[in-house]
N, C-alpha and C. Protein backbone atom coordinates (compact mmCIF):
# COMPACT_ATOMS: atom_id res chain seq x y z
N UNK A 1 -39.90 -37.73 -40.64
CA UNK A 1 -39.60 -39.13 -40.43
C UNK A 1 -40.69 -39.93 -41.13
N UNK A 2 -40.31 -41.04 -41.74
CA UNK A 2 -41.31 -41.90 -42.37
C UNK A 2 -41.65 -43.07 -41.44
N UNK A 3 -42.56 -43.90 -41.85
CA UNK A 3 -43.05 -44.99 -41.00
C UNK A 3 -41.93 -45.96 -40.62
N UNK A 4 -41.05 -46.26 -41.54
CA UNK A 4 -39.96 -47.19 -41.24
C UNK A 4 -39.03 -46.64 -40.17
N UNK A 5 -38.75 -45.35 -40.25
CA UNK A 5 -37.89 -44.71 -39.25
C UNK A 5 -38.57 -44.68 -37.89
N UNK A 6 -39.86 -44.42 -37.85
CA UNK A 6 -40.60 -44.41 -36.58
C UNK A 6 -40.55 -45.78 -35.91
N UNK A 7 -40.71 -46.82 -36.69
CA UNK A 7 -40.66 -48.18 -36.14
C UNK A 7 -39.26 -48.50 -35.63
N UNK A 8 -38.26 -48.11 -36.38
CA UNK A 8 -36.87 -48.34 -35.97
C UNK A 8 -36.56 -47.64 -34.65
N UNK A 9 -36.98 -46.38 -34.52
CA UNK A 9 -36.76 -45.63 -33.28
C UNK A 9 -37.46 -46.33 -32.12
N UNK A 10 -38.70 -46.75 -32.33
CA UNK A 10 -39.48 -47.42 -31.27
C UNK A 10 -38.82 -48.72 -30.84
N UNK A 11 -38.39 -49.53 -31.80
CA UNK A 11 -37.77 -50.82 -31.46
C UNK A 11 -36.46 -50.63 -30.70
N UNK A 12 -35.64 -49.69 -31.12
CA UNK A 12 -34.37 -49.45 -30.42
C UNK A 12 -34.63 -48.96 -29.00
N UNK A 13 -35.58 -48.05 -28.85
CA UNK A 13 -35.90 -47.52 -27.53
C UNK A 13 -36.43 -48.63 -26.62
N UNK A 14 -37.35 -49.44 -27.12
CA UNK A 14 -37.92 -50.52 -26.31
C UNK A 14 -36.85 -51.54 -25.92
N UNK A 15 -35.96 -51.85 -26.83
CA UNK A 15 -34.90 -52.82 -26.53
C UNK A 15 -34.03 -52.34 -25.37
N UNK A 16 -33.72 -51.06 -25.36
CA UNK A 16 -32.92 -50.50 -24.26
C UNK A 16 -33.73 -50.42 -22.97
N UNK A 17 -34.95 -49.90 -23.07
CA UNK A 17 -35.77 -49.68 -21.88
C UNK A 17 -36.12 -50.98 -21.15
N UNK A 18 -36.41 -52.03 -21.91
CA UNK A 18 -36.86 -53.28 -21.30
C UNK A 18 -35.78 -54.37 -21.29
N UNK A 19 -34.54 -54.00 -21.50
CA UNK A 19 -33.44 -54.98 -21.53
C UNK A 19 -33.33 -55.74 -20.20
N UNK A 20 -33.45 -55.02 -19.09
CA UNK A 20 -33.32 -55.66 -17.78
C UNK A 20 -34.48 -56.60 -17.48
N UNK A 21 -35.60 -56.42 -18.17
CA UNK A 21 -36.77 -57.29 -17.98
C UNK A 21 -36.68 -58.55 -18.82
N UNK A 22 -35.62 -58.68 -19.60
CA UNK A 22 -35.47 -59.86 -20.45
C UNK A 22 -36.41 -59.86 -21.63
N UNK A 23 -36.73 -58.68 -22.18
CA UNK A 23 -37.63 -58.60 -23.33
C UNK A 23 -36.97 -59.21 -24.56
N UNK A 24 -37.76 -59.98 -25.31
CA UNK A 24 -37.26 -60.57 -26.55
C UNK A 24 -38.41 -60.78 -27.53
N UNK A 25 -38.09 -61.10 -28.75
CA UNK A 25 -39.05 -61.38 -29.80
C UNK A 25 -40.00 -60.20 -30.05
N UNK A 26 -39.45 -58.99 -30.35
CA UNK A 26 -40.34 -57.85 -30.61
C UNK A 26 -41.09 -58.01 -31.93
N UNK A 27 -42.36 -57.64 -31.91
CA UNK A 27 -43.19 -57.66 -33.11
C UNK A 27 -43.89 -56.32 -33.27
N UNK A 28 -43.95 -55.85 -34.50
CA UNK A 28 -44.70 -54.64 -34.80
C UNK A 28 -46.18 -55.01 -34.87
N UNK A 29 -47.00 -54.26 -34.16
CA UNK A 29 -48.45 -54.51 -34.15
C UNK A 29 -49.22 -53.44 -34.92
N UNK A 30 -48.93 -52.16 -34.63
CA UNK A 30 -49.64 -51.05 -35.27
C UNK A 30 -48.73 -49.83 -35.37
N UNK A 31 -49.01 -49.00 -36.35
CA UNK A 31 -48.34 -47.69 -36.47
C UNK A 31 -49.41 -46.68 -36.87
N UNK A 32 -49.39 -45.53 -36.19
CA UNK A 32 -50.33 -44.46 -36.54
C UNK A 32 -49.62 -43.12 -36.44
N UNK A 33 -49.81 -42.31 -37.46
CA UNK A 33 -49.25 -40.95 -37.46
C UNK A 33 -50.36 -39.97 -37.16
N UNK A 34 -50.10 -39.06 -36.21
CA UNK A 34 -51.04 -37.99 -35.89
C UNK A 34 -50.43 -36.69 -36.38
N UNK A 35 -50.85 -36.25 -37.56
CA UNK A 35 -50.28 -35.04 -38.15
C UNK A 35 -50.58 -33.80 -37.32
N UNK A 36 -51.75 -33.74 -36.70
CA UNK A 36 -52.12 -32.58 -35.89
C UNK A 36 -51.18 -32.41 -34.69
N UNK A 37 -50.82 -33.52 -34.07
CA UNK A 37 -49.93 -33.47 -32.90
C UNK A 37 -48.46 -33.60 -33.28
N UNK A 38 -48.19 -33.99 -34.51
CA UNK A 38 -46.81 -34.17 -34.95
C UNK A 38 -46.13 -35.35 -34.28
N UNK A 39 -46.89 -36.46 -34.13
CA UNK A 39 -46.35 -37.64 -33.46
C UNK A 39 -46.65 -38.92 -34.23
N UNK A 40 -45.90 -39.93 -33.89
CA UNK A 40 -46.14 -41.30 -34.34
C UNK A 40 -46.46 -42.12 -33.10
N UNK A 41 -47.42 -43.04 -33.21
CA UNK A 41 -47.70 -44.01 -32.16
C UNK A 41 -47.40 -45.39 -32.74
N UNK A 42 -46.41 -46.03 -32.15
CA UNK A 42 -45.97 -47.34 -32.62
C UNK A 42 -46.30 -48.35 -31.52
N UNK A 43 -47.11 -49.34 -31.86
CA UNK A 43 -47.43 -50.40 -30.90
C UNK A 43 -46.55 -51.60 -31.19
N UNK A 44 -45.80 -52.01 -30.17
CA UNK A 44 -44.94 -53.19 -30.25
C UNK A 44 -45.39 -54.20 -29.22
N UNK A 45 -45.19 -55.46 -29.53
CA UNK A 45 -45.38 -56.50 -28.53
C UNK A 45 -44.08 -57.25 -28.40
N UNK A 46 -43.87 -57.83 -27.23
CA UNK A 46 -42.68 -58.65 -26.99
C UNK A 46 -42.96 -59.59 -25.85
N UNK A 47 -42.08 -60.55 -25.73
CA UNK A 47 -42.17 -61.48 -24.61
C UNK A 47 -41.10 -61.13 -23.61
N UNK A 48 -41.30 -61.57 -22.38
CA UNK A 48 -40.31 -61.35 -21.31
C UNK A 48 -39.90 -62.70 -20.76
N UNK A 49 -38.61 -62.82 -20.54
CA UNK A 49 -38.12 -64.03 -19.91
C UNK A 49 -38.65 -64.05 -18.48
N UNK A 50 -39.22 -65.18 -18.10
CA UNK A 50 -39.77 -65.25 -16.74
C UNK A 50 -38.80 -65.98 -15.83
N UNK A 51 -38.81 -65.57 -14.60
CA UNK A 51 -38.00 -66.21 -13.57
C UNK A 51 -38.74 -67.45 -13.10
N UNK A 52 -38.11 -68.62 -13.20
CA UNK A 52 -38.81 -69.83 -12.79
C UNK A 52 -39.25 -69.77 -11.33
N UNK A 53 -38.54 -69.04 -10.52
CA UNK A 53 -38.90 -68.67 -9.15
C UNK A 53 -39.68 -69.67 -8.35
N UNK A 54 -40.45 -69.15 -7.43
CA UNK A 54 -41.11 -69.98 -6.43
C UNK A 54 -42.55 -70.33 -6.77
N UNK A 55 -43.11 -69.77 -7.85
CA UNK A 55 -44.52 -70.01 -8.10
C UNK A 55 -44.77 -71.21 -9.02
N UNK A 56 -43.75 -71.94 -9.36
CA UNK A 56 -43.92 -73.19 -10.08
C UNK A 56 -43.75 -73.09 -11.58
N UNK A 57 -43.53 -74.25 -12.18
CA UNK A 57 -43.24 -74.33 -13.61
C UNK A 57 -44.44 -73.95 -14.47
N UNK A 58 -45.64 -74.32 -14.04
CA UNK A 58 -46.83 -74.02 -14.84
C UNK A 58 -47.05 -72.51 -14.94
N UNK A 59 -46.93 -71.80 -13.83
CA UNK A 59 -47.11 -70.34 -13.85
C UNK A 59 -46.03 -69.69 -14.72
N UNK A 60 -44.81 -70.18 -14.66
CA UNK A 60 -43.73 -69.64 -15.49
C UNK A 60 -44.01 -69.88 -16.96
N UNK A 61 -44.55 -71.06 -17.28
CA UNK A 61 -44.88 -71.38 -18.67
C UNK A 61 -45.97 -70.46 -19.21
N UNK A 62 -47.00 -70.21 -18.40
CA UNK A 62 -48.10 -69.35 -18.82
C UNK A 62 -47.59 -67.94 -19.04
N UNK A 63 -46.79 -67.40 -18.14
CA UNK A 63 -46.23 -66.05 -18.30
C UNK A 63 -45.38 -65.97 -19.56
N UNK A 64 -44.62 -67.01 -19.85
CA UNK A 64 -43.74 -67.00 -21.02
C UNK A 64 -44.55 -66.96 -22.32
N UNK A 65 -45.77 -67.49 -22.30
CA UNK A 65 -46.59 -67.52 -23.51
C UNK A 65 -47.32 -66.20 -23.75
N UNK A 66 -47.36 -65.32 -22.76
CA UNK A 66 -48.07 -64.06 -22.89
C UNK A 66 -47.15 -62.99 -23.48
N UNK A 67 -47.73 -62.10 -24.27
CA UNK A 67 -46.98 -60.99 -24.84
C UNK A 67 -47.34 -59.71 -24.10
N UNK A 68 -46.38 -58.82 -24.02
CA UNK A 68 -46.58 -57.49 -23.46
C UNK A 68 -46.73 -56.52 -24.62
N UNK A 69 -47.71 -55.63 -24.54
CA UNK A 69 -47.98 -54.66 -25.61
C UNK A 69 -47.71 -53.25 -25.09
N UNK A 70 -46.92 -52.50 -25.84
CA UNK A 70 -46.58 -51.13 -25.46
C UNK A 70 -46.81 -50.20 -26.65
N UNK A 71 -47.35 -49.01 -26.36
CA UNK A 71 -47.52 -47.97 -27.36
C UNK A 71 -46.45 -46.92 -27.09
N UNK A 72 -45.58 -46.70 -28.06
CA UNK A 72 -44.49 -45.75 -27.93
C UNK A 72 -44.82 -44.56 -28.81
N UNK A 73 -44.91 -43.38 -28.20
CA UNK A 73 -45.21 -42.16 -28.92
C UNK A 73 -43.92 -41.40 -29.17
N UNK A 74 -43.71 -41.03 -30.44
CA UNK A 74 -42.47 -40.40 -30.88
C UNK A 74 -42.78 -39.08 -31.57
N UNK A 75 -42.02 -38.03 -31.24
CA UNK A 75 -42.16 -36.75 -31.92
C UNK A 75 -41.64 -36.89 -33.34
N UNK A 76 -42.44 -36.42 -34.30
CA UNK A 76 -42.09 -36.55 -35.71
C UNK A 76 -40.88 -35.69 -36.09
N UNK A 77 -40.75 -34.52 -35.47
CA UNK A 77 -39.70 -33.59 -35.90
C UNK A 77 -38.30 -33.94 -35.39
N UNK A 78 -38.19 -34.45 -34.16
CA UNK A 78 -36.85 -34.70 -33.61
C UNK A 78 -36.61 -36.13 -33.12
N UNK A 79 -37.58 -37.03 -33.34
CA UNK A 79 -37.48 -38.45 -32.99
C UNK A 79 -37.39 -38.71 -31.49
N UNK A 80 -37.81 -37.73 -30.67
CA UNK A 80 -37.79 -37.91 -29.22
C UNK A 80 -38.95 -38.81 -28.81
N UNK A 81 -38.68 -39.78 -27.94
CA UNK A 81 -39.74 -40.61 -27.40
C UNK A 81 -40.44 -39.82 -26.31
N UNK A 82 -41.74 -39.62 -26.48
CA UNK A 82 -42.53 -38.80 -25.57
C UNK A 82 -43.22 -39.61 -24.49
N UNK A 83 -43.60 -40.83 -24.81
CA UNK A 83 -44.27 -41.67 -23.81
C UNK A 83 -44.21 -43.14 -24.21
N UNK A 84 -44.38 -43.97 -23.19
CA UNK A 84 -44.51 -45.42 -23.35
C UNK A 84 -45.67 -45.83 -22.47
N UNK A 85 -46.69 -46.43 -23.10
CA UNK A 85 -47.89 -46.81 -22.35
C UNK A 85 -48.24 -48.27 -22.61
N UNK A 86 -48.98 -48.84 -21.69
CA UNK A 86 -49.47 -50.20 -21.84
C UNK A 86 -50.63 -50.17 -22.82
N UNK A 87 -50.63 -51.07 -23.75
CA UNK A 87 -51.75 -51.19 -24.70
C UNK A 87 -52.61 -52.36 -24.26
N UNK A 88 -53.81 -52.07 -23.88
CA UNK A 88 -54.76 -53.09 -23.45
C UNK A 88 -55.56 -53.61 -24.62
N UNK A 89 -56.06 -54.83 -24.53
CA UNK A 89 -57.02 -55.35 -25.47
C UNK A 89 -56.45 -55.96 -26.74
N UNK A 90 -55.17 -56.20 -26.82
CA UNK A 90 -54.59 -56.85 -28.00
C UNK A 90 -54.09 -58.24 -27.61
N UNK A 91 -54.99 -59.17 -27.45
CA UNK A 91 -54.56 -60.53 -27.08
C UNK A 91 -55.10 -61.53 -28.05
């Protein structure tokens, strides 16, 4: 698999996995191939639609401006998603 295919697999997987959370506006942040492990690590960020709920408009606005960062690890040989982790420190 090449880098473009790894990103495509990661974006499709994230779109399905986080659909119920109202994820939108996905952005590619980083891609890294680990030849020793035979994996790709694709970091994506996206926003989530916030529920205006009971905590007020200001809190909803702040949450809407924040991005969520996820690192999706994909097996190079069969395109299986092996893990999804929170990526800290990219703000």
